[in-house]
Amino acid sequence: MRDEGSGTPVLLLHGFPDSGALWRHQVAALTQAGFRTIAPDLRGFGESDKPAEVEAYRLSNSVADMVAVLDALGVERAHVVGHDWGAALAWLFATMAPQRVEQLVVMSVGHFARPRSLAQREKSWYMLLFQFEEAEAILRNGLLEEWAASHPELPEFELTPGLNWYRANLHPRNELAPPRPVPPVQADTLGIWSTGDAYLLEPQMLESAQFVAGAWRYERVEDAGHWLQLDQPERVNALLLDFLR
């Protein structure tokens, strides 16, 4: 886990298939601006534990992980910034532990309770593939590099723990959604989507506004793929600093 700087804490949550190192450009900018940055490796990635059980990767377990991280560091409230699976985790964290979230920034992935359109389901074809035990072999046979071709610096990672995020939280016949209505996010929220995202369409972020009771702000980043914090770090840094200040 990376814990740098002082001042108001910012918890940075990465997604698949990354680690906390994904945020290095943002860590540098935020710490220089007087924030304390906390960038853990989520379970299954980087130097974190990699449980064998699929259910260990339920998002609720990672919410508990993040509460434990903040408790261990003596942090009562933090700005929470998430990307990809880290954004899904950030949405749920803000829902389950609203007292711990100062402001929320979600990048690429919209709120988990929104319905997915047919166009978005088609875009997310790989989520179905990842459910099957054959996925590891198929990915190792060359599909991984093709699927993640827009990643500027695809890291080395263990396939099964990473895929278990999809297996534990997504099911072929439904969305990543609770069985009953959830309370709206109370924190002021910034949603960011990039025009070159190969996996997610813009409406799924725009429609997330209906699940936010706090102030909602939306920003589109041009000329960036899914990993916008690597493709356009200065633009992303400027948005974070403007919002979190």
C-alpha atoms as a PDB file:
ATOM      1  CA  MET A   1       0.000   0.000   0.000  1.00  0.00           C
ATOM      2  CA  ARG A   2       1.186   3.495  -0.834  1.00  0.00           C
ATOM      3  CA  ASP A   3       0.576   6.144   1.831  1.00  0.00           C
ATOM      4  CA  GLU A   4       2.154   9.480   0.987  1.00  0.00           C
ATOM      5  CA  GLY A   5       1.829  13.121   1.976  1.00  0.00           C
ATOM      6  CA  SER A   6      -0.254  14.771   4.662  1.00  0.00           C
ATOM      7  CA  GLY A   7      -3.435  16.770   4.862  1.00  0.00           C
ATOM      8  CA  THR A   8      -6.890  15.677   3.758  1.00  0.00           C
ATOM      9  CA  PRO A   9      -6.791  11.944   2.884  1.00  0.00           C
ATOM     10  CA  VAL A  10      -7.650  10.690  -0.606  1.00  0.00           C
ATOM     11  CA  LEU A  11      -8.300   6.951  -0.987  1.00  0.00           C
ATOM     12  CA  LEU A  12      -7.467   5.792  -4.530  1.00  0.00           C
ATOM     13  CA  LEU A  13      -9.042   2.519  -5.694  1.00  0.00           C
ATOM     14  CA  HIS A  14      -7.754   0.811  -8.848  1.00  0.00           C
ATOM     15  CA  GLY A  15      -9.492  -1.776 -11.004  1.00  0.00           C
ATOM     16  CA  PHE A  16      -8.758  -4.749 -13.243  1.00  0.00           C
ATOM     17  CA  PRO A  17      -5.997  -5.703 -13.970  1.00  0.00           C
ATOM     18  CA  ASP A  18      -4.012  -3.047 -12.117  1.00  0.00           C
ATOM     19  CA  SER A  19      -2.580  -2.269  -8.691  1.00  0.00           C
ATOM     20  CA  GLY A  20      -2.192   0.860  -6.616  1.00  0.00           C
ATOM     21  CA  ALA A  21       0.706   1.839  -8.908  1.00  0.00           C
ATOM     22  CA  LEU A  22      -1.898   2.841 -11.504  1.00  0.00           C
ATOM     23  CA  TRP A  23      -2.351   6.111  -9.591  1.00  0.00           C
ATOM     24  CA  ARG A  24       1.275   7.262  -9.508  1.00  0.00           C
ATOM     25  CA  HIS A  25       0.628  10.393 -11.612  1.00  0.00           C
ATOM     26  CA  GLN A  26      -2.310  11.344  -9.422  1.00  0.00           C
ATOM     27  CA  VAL A  27      -0.396  10.577  -6.219  1.00  0.00           C
ATOM     28  CA  ALA A  28       2.349  12.967  -7.284  1.00  0.00           C
ATOM     29  CA  ALA A  29      -0.066  15.774  -8.124  1.00  0.00           C
ATOM     30  CA  LEU A  30      -2.278  15.322  -5.068  1.00  0.00           C
ATOM     31  CA  THR A  31       0.544  15.079  -2.546  1.00  0.00           C
ATOM     32  CA  GLN A  32       2.200  18.142  -4.059  1.00  0.00           C
ATOM     33  CA  ALA A  33      -1.110  19.970  -3.610  1.00  0.00           C
ATOM     34  CA  GLY A  34      -1.208  19.100   0.082  1.00  0.00           C
ATOM     35  CA  PHE A  35      -3.308  15.947   0.166  1.00  0.00           C
ATOM     36  CA  ARG A  36      -2.501  12.641   1.804  1.00  0.00           C
ATOM     37  CA  THR A  37      -2.809   9.854  -0.775  1.00  0.00           C
ATOM     38  CA  ILE A  38      -3.624   6.247   0.129  1.00  0.00           C
ATOM     39  CA  ALA A  39      -3.420   3.786  -2.777  1.00  0.00           C
ATOM     40  CA  PRO A  40      -3.848   0.176  -1.659  1.00  0.00           C
ATOM     41  CA  ASP A  41      -3.585  -2.935  -3.814  1.00  0.00           C
ATOM     42  CA  LEU A  42      -7.087  -4.398  -3.769  1.00  0.00           C
ATOM     43  CA  ARG A  43      -7.437  -8.068  -2.855  1.00  0.00           C
ATOM     44  CA  GLY A  44      -6.235 -10.293  -5.656  1.00  0.00           C
ATOM     45  CA  PHE A  45      -3.878  -7.710  -7.147  1.00  0.00           C
ATOM     46  CA  GLY A  46      -0.338  -6.495  -6.585  1.00  0.00           C
ATOM     47  CA  GLU A  47       1.024  -7.348  -3.167  1.00  0.00           C
ATOM     48  CA  SER A  48      -2.352  -7.991  -1.539  1.00  0.00           C
ATOM     49  CA  ASP A  49      -3.707 -11.363  -0.431  1.00  0.00           C
ATOM     50  CA  LYS A  50      -5.188 -13.560  -3.157  1.00  0.00           C
ATOM     51  CA  PRO A  51      -7.834 -15.826  -1.602  1.00  0.00           C
ATOM     52  CA  ALA A  52      -8.765 -18.955  -3.530  1.00  0.00           C
ATOM     53  CA  GLU A  53     -12.514 -18.722  -2.842  1.00  0.00           C
ATOM     54  CA  VAL A  54     -14.547 -16.820  -5.437  1.00  0.00           C
ATOM     55  CA  GLU A  55     -16.880 -15.397  -2.784  1.00  0.00           C
ATOM     56  CA  ALA A  56     -13.917 -13.688  -1.122  1.00  0.00           C
ATOM     57  CA  TYR A  57     -13.997 -11.186  -3.984  1.00  0.00           C
ATOM     58  CA  ARG A  58     -17.483  -9.910  -3.288  1.00  0.00           C
ATOM     59  CA  LEU A  59     -17.471  -6.124  -3.275  1.00  0.00           C
ATOM     60  CA  SER A  60     -18.847  -6.057   0.256  1.00  0.00           C
ATOM     61  CA  ASN A  61     -15.676  -7.771   1.438  1.00  0.00           C
ATOM     62  CA  SER A  62     -13.565  -5.112  -0.240  1.00  0.00           C
ATOM     63  CA  VAL A  63     -15.670  -2.409   1.410  1.00  0.00           C
ATOM     64  CA  ALA A  64     -14.733  -4.008   4.736  1.00  0.00           C
ATOM     65  CA  ASP A  65     -11.093  -4.050   3.599  1.00  0.00           C
ATOM     66  CA  MET A  66     -11.163  -0.316   2.916  1.00  0.00           C
ATOM     67  CA  VAL A  67     -12.831   0.460   6.230  1.00  0.00           C
ATOM     68  CA  ALA A  68     -10.065  -1.555   7.911  1.00  0.00           C
ATOM     69  CA  VAL A  69      -7.400   0.338   5.958  1.00  0.00           C
ATOM     70  CA  LEU A  70      -8.783   3.702   7.027  1.00  0.00           C
ATOM     71  CA  ASP A  71      -9.143   2.522  10.620  1.00  0.00           C
ATOM     72  CA  ALA A  72      -5.553   1.252  10.687  1.00  0.00           C
ATOM     73  CA  LEU A  73      -4.305   4.601   9.382  1.00  0.00           C
ATOM     74  CA  GLY A  74      -6.406   6.611  11.826  1.00  0.00           C
ATOM     75  CA  VAL A  75      -8.480   8.179   9.037  1.00  0.00           C
ATOM     76  CA  GLU A  76     -12.080   8.985   9.930  1.00  0.00           C
ATOM     77  CA  ARG A  77     -13.163  10.462   6.559  1.00  0.00           C
ATOM     78  CA  ALA A  78     -11.534  10.551   3.145  1.00  0.00           C
ATOM     79  CA  HIS A  79     -12.151  11.613  -0.392  1.00  0.00           C
ATOM     80  CA  VAL A  80     -12.673   8.385  -2.355  1.00  0.00           C
ATOM     81  CA  VAL A  81     -11.567   8.053  -5.985  1.00  0.00           C
ATOM     82  CA  GLY A  82     -12.192   4.845  -7.941  1.00  0.00           C
ATOM     83  CA  HIS A  83     -11.620   3.529 -11.455  1.00  0.00           C
ATOM     84  CA  ASP A  84     -13.040   0.416 -13.139  1.00  0.00           C
ATOM     85  CA  TRP A  85     -13.722  -2.169 -10.375  1.00  0.00           C
ATOM     86  CA  GLY A  86     -12.368   0.449  -7.987  1.00  0.00           C
ATOM     87  CA  ALA A  87     -15.204   2.728  -9.113  1.00  0.00           C
ATOM     88  CA  ALA A  88     -17.769  -0.003  -8.447  1.00  0.00           C
ATOM     89  CA  LEU A  89     -16.185  -0.418  -5.022  1.00  0.00           C
ATOM     90  CA  ALA A  90     -16.230   3.346  -4.456  1.00  0.00           C
ATOM     91  CA  TRP A  91     -19.947   3.538  -5.266  1.00  0.00           C
ATOM     92  CA  LEU A  92     -20.713   0.747  -2.801  1.00  0.00           C
ATOM     93  CA  PHE A  93     -18.353   2.159  -0.170  1.00  0.00           C
ATOM     94  CA  ALA A  94     -20.170   5.507  -0.341  1.00  0.00           C
ATOM     95  CA  THR A  95     -23.494   3.647  -0.003  1.00  0.00           C
ATOM     96  CA  MET A  96     -22.536   1.327   2.862  1.00  0.00           C
ATOM     97  CA  ALA A  97     -20.253   3.668   4.815  1.00  0.00           C
ATOM     98  CA  PRO A  98     -21.394   7.202   3.922  1.00  0.00           C
ATOM     99  CA  GLN A  99     -19.941   8.596   7.149  1.00  0.00           C
ATOM    100  CA  ARG A 100     -16.444   7.721   5.902  1.00  0.00           C
ATOM    101  CA  VAL A 101     -16.697   9.493   2.522  1.00  0.00           C
ATOM    102  CA  GLU A 102     -16.034  13.213   2.167  1.00  0.00           C
ATOM    103  CA  GLN A 103     -16.379  13.473  -1.619  1.00  0.00           C
ATOM    104  CA  LEU A 104     -16.627  10.778  -4.289  1.00  0.00           C
ATOM    105  CA  VAL A 105     -14.971  10.530  -7.705  1.00  0.00           C
ATOM    106  CA  VAL A 106     -15.927   7.630  -9.986  1.00  0.00           C
ATOM    107  CA  MET A 107     -14.067   7.072 -13.227  1.00  0.00           C
ATOM    108  CA  SER A 108     -15.360   5.030 -16.181  1.00  0.00           C
ATOM    109  CA  VAL A 109     -17.926   2.909 -14.271  1.00  0.00           C
ATOM    110  CA  GLY A 110     -21.381   4.201 -13.389  1.00  0.00           C
ATOM    111  CA  HIS A 111     -23.592   3.350 -10.419  1.00  0.00           C
ATOM    112  CA  PHE A 112     -24.265  -0.347  -9.847  1.00  0.00           C
ATOM    113  CA  ALA A 113     -28.058   0.042  -9.599  1.00  0.00           C
ATOM    114  CA  ARG A 114     -28.585   1.476 -13.068  1.00  0.00           C
ATOM    115  CA  PRO A 115     -29.961  -0.869 -15.751  1.00  0.00           C
ATOM    116  CA  ARG A 116     -27.636  -1.725 -18.627  1.00  0.00           C
ATOM    117  CA  SER A 117     -28.736  -1.088 -22.191  1.00  0.00           C
ATOM    118  CA  LEU A 118     -28.467  -3.703 -24.922  1.00  0.00           C
ATOM    119  CA  ALA A 119     -25.638  -1.672 -26.456  1.00  0.00           C
ATOM    120  CA  GLN A 120     -23.762  -1.714 -23.155  1.00  0.00           C
ATOM    121  CA  ARG A 121     -24.334  -5.454 -22.745  1.00  0.00           C
ATOM    122  CA  GLU A 122     -22.834  -6.013 -26.179  1.00  0.00           C
ATOM    123  CA  LYS A 123     -19.868  -3.841 -25.244  1.00  0.00           C
ATOM    124  CA  SER A 124     -19.368  -5.945 -22.102  1.00  0.00           C
ATOM    125  CA  TRP A 125     -19.271  -9.337 -23.884  1.00  0.00           C
ATOM    126  CA  TYR A 126     -16.058 -10.281 -22.072  1.00  0.00           C
ATOM    127  CA  MET A 127     -17.830 -10.300 -18.698  1.00  0.00           C
ATOM    128  CA  LEU A 128     -19.704 -13.430 -19.764  1.00  0.00           C
ATOM    129  CA  LEU A 129     -16.514 -15.091 -20.980  1.00  0.00           C
ATOM    130  CA  PHE A 130     -14.798 -14.378 -17.670  1.00  0.00           C
ATOM    131  CA  GLN A 131     -17.421 -16.441 -15.853  1.00  0.00           C
ATOM    132  CA  PHE A 132     -16.162 -19.718 -17.325  1.00  0.00           C
ATOM    133  CA  GLU A 133     -13.204 -21.765 -16.124  1.00  0.00           C
ATOM    134  CA  GLU A 134     -11.900 -21.869 -19.707  1.00  0.00           C
ATOM    135  CA  ALA A 135     -11.338 -18.105 -19.610  1.00  0.00           C
ATOM    136  CA  GLU A 136      -7.849 -18.377 -18.159  1.00  0.00           C
ATOM    137  CA  ALA A 137      -6.624 -20.618 -20.960  1.00  0.00           C
ATOM    138  CA  ILE A 138      -8.253 -18.484 -23.649  1.00  0.00           C
ATOM    139  CA  LEU A 139      -6.743 -15.301 -22.255  1.00  0.00           C
ATOM    140  CA  ARG A 140      -3.294 -16.854 -21.942  1.00  0.00           C
ATOM    141  CA  ASN A 141      -3.559 -17.949 -25.572  1.00  0.00           C
ATOM    142  CA  GLY A 142      -3.390 -14.353 -26.791  1.00  0.00           C
ATOM    143  CA  LEU A 143      -6.826 -12.883 -26.092  1.00  0.00           C
ATOM    144  CA  LEU A 144      -5.609 -10.919 -23.054  1.00  0.00           C
ATOM    145  CA  GLU A 145      -3.261  -8.760 -25.109  1.00  0.00           C
ATOM    146  CA  GLU A 146      -5.978  -8.232 -27.713  1.00  0.00           C
ATOM    147  CA  TRP A 147      -8.652  -7.434 -25.133  1.00  0.00           C
ATOM    148  CA  ALA A 148      -6.404  -5.017 -23.224  1.00  0.00           C
ATOM    149  CA  ALA A 149      -4.775  -3.509 -26.313  1.00  0.00           C
ATOM    150  CA  SER A 150      -5.688   0.009 -25.165  1.00  0.00           C
ATOM    151  CA  HIS A 151      -3.900  -0.399 -21.815  1.00  0.00           C
ATOM    152  CA  PRO A 152      -0.754   1.762 -22.024  1.00  0.00           C
ATOM    153  CA  GLU A 153       1.239  -0.536 -19.742  1.00  0.00           C
ATOM    154  CA  LEU A 154      -0.488  -3.859 -19.116  1.00  0.00           C
ATOM    155  CA  PRO A 155       0.878  -5.127 -15.782  1.00  0.00           C
ATOM    156  CA  GLU A 156       1.725  -8.658 -14.841  1.00  0.00           C
ATOM    157  CA  PHE A 157      -0.981 -10.147 -12.635  1.00  0.00           C
ATOM    158  CA  GLU A 158      -2.476 -13.469 -11.588  1.00  0.00           C
ATOM    159  CA  LEU A 159      -5.414 -14.213 -13.860  1.00  0.00           C
ATOM    160  CA  THR A 160      -7.685 -16.222 -11.571  1.00  0.00           C
ATOM    161  CA  PRO A 161      -7.821 -13.740  -8.661  1.00  0.00           C
ATOM    162  CA  GLY A 162      -8.475 -10.919 -11.134  1.00  0.00           C
ATOM    163  CA  LEU A 163     -11.243 -12.818 -12.922  1.00  0.00           C
ATOM    164  CA  ASN A 164     -12.785 -13.729  -9.577  1.00  0.00           C
ATOM    165  CA  TRP A 165     -13.920 -10.111  -9.246  1.00  0.00           C
ATOM    166  CA  TYR A 166     -16.193 -10.735 -12.235  1.00  0.00           C
ATOM    167  CA  ARG A 167     -17.238 -14.180 -11.035  1.00  0.00           C
ATOM    168  CA  ALA A 168     -18.138 -13.031  -7.538  1.00  0.00           C
ATOM    169  CA  ASN A 169     -20.045  -9.875  -8.482  1.00  0.00           C
ATOM    170  CA  LEU A 170     -21.509 -10.386 -11.954  1.00  0.00           C
ATOM    171  CA  HIS A 171     -23.906 -13.060 -13.094  1.00  0.00           C
ATOM    172  CA  PRO A 172     -24.961 -13.902 -16.657  1.00  0.00           C
ATOM    173  CA  ARG A 173     -28.610 -13.014 -16.126  1.00  0.00           C
ATOM    174  CA  ASN A 174     -28.436  -9.822 -14.128  1.00  0.00           C
ATOM    175  CA  GLU A 175     -26.451  -6.660 -13.531  1.00  0.00           C
ATOM    176  CA  LEU A 176     -24.183  -5.731 -10.686  1.00  0.00           C
ATOM    177  CA  ALA A 177     -27.249  -4.653  -8.725  1.00  0.00           C
ATOM    178  CA  PRO A 178     -28.812  -5.289  -5.321  1.00  0.00           C
ATOM    179  CA  PRO A 179     -32.159  -7.083  -5.074  1.00  0.00           C
ATOM    180  CA  ARG A 180     -33.850  -4.030  -3.567  1.00  0.00           C
ATOM    181  CA  PRO A 181     -33.532  -0.237  -3.845  1.00  0.00           C
ATOM    182  CA  VAL A 182     -30.430   1.295  -2.283  1.00  0.00           C
ATOM    183  CA  PRO A 183     -30.121   4.699  -0.630  1.00  0.00           C
ATOM    184  CA  PRO A 184     -28.657   7.435  -2.803  1.00  0.00           C
ATOM    185  CA  VAL A 185     -25.052   8.506  -2.386  1.00  0.00           C
ATOM    186  CA  GLN A 186     -24.941  11.458   0.003  1.00  0.00           C
ATOM    187  CA  ALA A 187     -21.485  12.729  -0.946  1.00  0.00           C
ATOM    188  CA  ASP A 188     -20.893  15.291  -3.676  1.00  0.00           C
ATOM    189  CA  THR A 189     -19.870  13.168  -6.655  1.00  0.00           C
ATOM    190  CA  LEU A 190     -17.792  13.678  -9.783  1.00  0.00           C
ATOM    191  CA  GLY A 191     -18.295  11.193 -12.622  1.00  0.00           C
ATOM    192  CA  ILE A 192     -15.614  11.003 -15.316  1.00  0.00           C
ATOM    193  CA  TRP A 193     -15.802   9.089 -18.595  1.00  0.00           C
ATOM    194  CA  SER A 194     -13.351   9.026 -21.505  1.00  0.00           C
ATOM    195  CA  THR A 195     -14.325   9.162 -25.159  1.00  0.00           C
ATOM    196  CA  GLY A 196     -12.029   6.306 -26.189  1.00  0.00           C
ATOM    197  CA  ASP A 197     -13.287   3.795 -23.629  1.00  0.00           C
ATOM    198  CA  ALA A 198     -13.435   0.422 -25.379  1.00  0.00           C
ATOM    199  CA  TYR A 199     -15.642  -1.197 -22.722  1.00  0.00           C
ATOM    200  CA  LEU A 200     -18.126   1.348 -21.391  1.00  0.00           C
ATOM    201  CA  LEU A 201     -20.571   3.738 -23.047  1.00  0.00           C
ATOM    202  CA  GLU A 202     -21.239   7.261 -21.867  1.00  0.00           C
ATOM    203  CA  PRO A 203     -24.917   6.886 -20.837  1.00  0.00           C
ATOM    204  CA  GLN A 204     -24.065   4.446 -18.029  1.00  0.00           C
ATOM    205  CA  MET A 205     -22.128   7.253 -16.331  1.00  0.00           C
ATOM    206  CA  LEU A 206     -24.550  10.061 -17.187  1.00  0.00           C
ATOM    207  CA  GLU A 207     -27.512   8.074 -15.837  1.00  0.00           C
ATOM    208  CA  SER A 208     -25.747   7.642 -12.497  1.00  0.00           C
ATOM    209  CA  ALA A 209     -26.810  11.160 -11.515  1.00  0.00           C
ATOM    210  CA  GLN A 210     -30.181   9.779 -10.388  1.00  0.00           C
ATOM    211  CA  PHE A 211     -28.457   7.763  -7.651  1.00  0.00           C
ATOM    212  CA  VAL A 212     -26.672  10.758  -6.091  1.00  0.00           C
ATOM    213  CA  ALA A 213     -28.334  12.957  -3.457  1.00  0.00           C
ATOM    214  CA  GLY A 214     -25.277  15.187  -3.149  1.00  0.00           C
ATOM    215  CA  ALA A 215     -24.141  17.576  -5.848  1.00  0.00           C
ATOM    216  CA  TRP A 216     -23.460  15.763  -9.136  1.00  0.00           C
ATOM    217  CA  ARG A 217     -20.830  16.831 -11.672  1.00  0.00           C
ATOM    218  CA  TYR A 218     -19.946  15.096 -14.922  1.00  0.00           C
ATOM    219  CA  GLU A 219     -16.794  15.497 -17.002  1.00  0.00           C
ATOM    220  CA  ARG A 220     -15.811  13.936 -20.327  1.00  0.00           C
ATOM    221  CA  VAL A 221     -12.116  13.393 -21.077  1.00  0.00           C
ATOM    222  CA  GLU A 222     -11.260  13.522 -24.771  1.00  0.00           C
ATOM    223  CA  ASP A 223      -8.522  11.539 -26.498  1.00  0.00           C
ATOM    224  CA  ALA A 224      -8.209   8.931 -23.766  1.00  0.00           C
ATOM    225  CA  GLY A 225      -9.015   5.252 -23.548  1.00  0.00           C
ATOM    226  CA  HIS A 226     -10.359   3.338 -20.578  1.00  0.00           C
ATOM    227  CA  TRP A 227      -7.183   3.969 -18.560  1.00  0.00           C
ATOM    228  CA  LEU A 228      -7.587   7.731 -18.734  1.00  0.00           C
ATOM    229  CA  GLN A 229      -5.367   8.447 -15.731  1.00  0.00           C
ATOM    230  CA  LEU A 230      -2.481   7.078 -17.807  1.00  0.00           C
ATOM    231  CA  ASP A 231      -3.554   8.439 -21.204  1.00  0.00           C
ATOM    232  CA  GLN A 232      -4.396  11.957 -19.999  1.00  0.00           C
ATOM    233  CA  PRO A 233      -2.807  12.333 -16.529  1.00  0.00           C
ATOM    234  CA  GLU A 234      -2.640  16.135 -16.569  1.00  0.00           C
ATOM    235  CA  ARG A 235      -6.320  16.451 -17.492  1.00  0.00           C
ATOM    236  CA  VAL A 236      -7.360  13.922 -14.847  1.00  0.00           C
ATOM    237  CA  ASN A 237      -5.149  15.592 -12.234  1.00  0.00           C
ATOM    238  CA  ALA A 238      -6.670  18.980 -12.998  1.00  0.00           C
ATOM    239  CA  LEU A 239     -10.197  17.604 -12.609  1.00  0.00           C
ATOM    240  CA  LEU A 240      -9.371  15.909  -9.306  1.00  0.00           C
ATOM    241  CA  LEU A 241      -7.667  18.967  -7.852  1.00  0.00           C
ATOM    242  CA  ASP A 242     -10.475  21.291  -8.923  1.00  0.00           C
ATOM    243  CA  PHE A 243     -13.158  19.037  -7.467  1.00  0.00           C
ATOM    244  CA  LEU A 244     -11.452  17.953  -4.256  1.00  0.00           C
ATOM    245  CA  ARG A 245     -10.322  21.450  -3.325  1.00  0.00           C
END
